[in-house]
Amino acid sequence: MDNRGFFQFVLYKLISLSVELTLLYILVLLCEWFAEKKGYNIFERSFLVTLVTLPIVTLIIWTIIIARFKLF
């Protein structure tokens, strides 16, 4: 891999990670908005946000592990 290919690879990874984190942040904000609309207290809000975001974060981590070991 030459310098140009390495730069494109790093740029691609940086953009993809920033898009994933932005989408995850928007999802958390939507959960907070929904919890506020329903009138949940702080514990119910945190449970709702955890319930929605934890599977997505787990899927992202599993995807990184699978991609690293090239299992598929």
Protein backbone atom coordinates (compact mmCIF):
# COMPACT_ATOMS: atom_id res chain seq x y z
CA MET A 1 0.00 0.00 0.00
CA ASP A 2 1.45 3.33 -1.02
CA ASN A 3 0.98 6.66 0.74
CA ARG A 4 -2.05 7.62 -1.33
CA GLY A 5 -3.84 4.34 -0.62
CA PHE A 6 -3.05 4.61 3.07
CA PHE A 7 -4.41 8.16 3.21
CA GLN A 8 -7.62 7.10 1.46
CA PHE A 9 -8.00 4.16 3.85
CA VAL A 10 -7.56 6.38 6.91
CA LEU A 11 -9.93 8.98 5.51
CA TYR A 12 -12.55 6.31 4.76
CA LYS A 13 -12.29 4.86 8.28
CA LEU A 14 -12.49 8.31 9.86
CA ILE A 15 -15.58 9.25 7.87
CA SER A 16 -17.32 5.92 8.51
CA LEU A 17 -16.67 6.09 12.26
CA SER A 18 -17.86 9.69 12.46
CA VAL A 19 -21.06 8.80 10.57
CA GLU A 20 -21.71 5.84 12.89
CA LEU A 21 -21.18 7.95 16.00
CA THR A 22 -23.37 10.74 14.64
CA LEU A 23 -26.19 8.32 13.89
CA LEU A 24 -25.86 6.76 17.33
CA TYR A 25 -26.01 10.22 18.93
CA ILE A 26 -29.15 11.05 16.93
CA LEU A 27 -30.68 7.76 18.12
CA VAL A 28 -29.94 8.66 21.74
CA LEU A 29 -31.53 12.09 21.22
CA LEU A 30 -34.63 10.46 19.74
CA CYS A 31 -34.87 8.15 22.74
CA GLU A 32 -34.57 11.12 25.08
CA TRP A 33 -37.24 13.00 23.15
CA PHE A 34 -39.59 10.02 23.31
CA ALA A 35 -38.97 9.57 27.05
CA GLU A 36 -39.59 13.27 27.66
CA LYS A 37 -42.82 13.10 25.67
CA LYS A 38 -44.04 10.14 27.73
CA GLY A 39 -43.04 11.78 31.02
CA TYR A 40 -40.59 9.09 32.17
CA ASN A 41 -38.34 9.73 35.16
CA ILE A 42 -34.54 9.59 34.98
CA PHE A 43 -34.29 5.85 35.64
CA GLU A 44 -36.84 4.95 32.99
CA ARG A 45 -35.07 7.26 30.53
CA SER A 46 -31.69 5.67 31.14
CA PHE A 47 -33.23 2.20 30.80
CA LEU A 48 -34.85 3.17 27.50
CA VAL A 49 -31.65 4.63 26.08
CA THR A 50 -29.66 1.57 27.20
CA LEU A 51 -32.26 -0.80 25.81
CA VAL A 52 -32.09 0.84 22.38
CA THR A 53 -28.39 1.66 22.05
CA LEU A 54 -26.71 -1.37 23.64
CA PRO A 55 -27.64 -3.83 20.86
CA ILE A 56 -26.49 -1.35 18.23
CA VAL A 57 -23.15 -0.75 19.96
CA THR A 58 -22.72 -4.51 20.36
CA LEU A 59 -23.41 -5.00 16.66
CA ILE A 60 -20.85 -2.34 15.75
CA ILE A 61 -18.21 -3.97 17.95
CA TRP A 62 -18.97 -7.42 16.55
CA THR A 63 -18.68 -6.03 13.02
CA ILE A 64 -15.26 -4.58 13.82
CA ILE A 65 -14.09 -7.91 15.29
CA ILE A 66 -15.42 -9.93 12.34
CA ALA A 67 -13.83 -7.51 9.87
CA ARG A 68 -10.49 -7.68 11.70
CA PHE A 69 -10.31 -11.47 11.62
CA LYS A 70 -11.92 -11.61 8.15
CA LEU A 71 -14.28 -14.37 9.17
CA PHE A 72 -16.74 -13.51 6.42
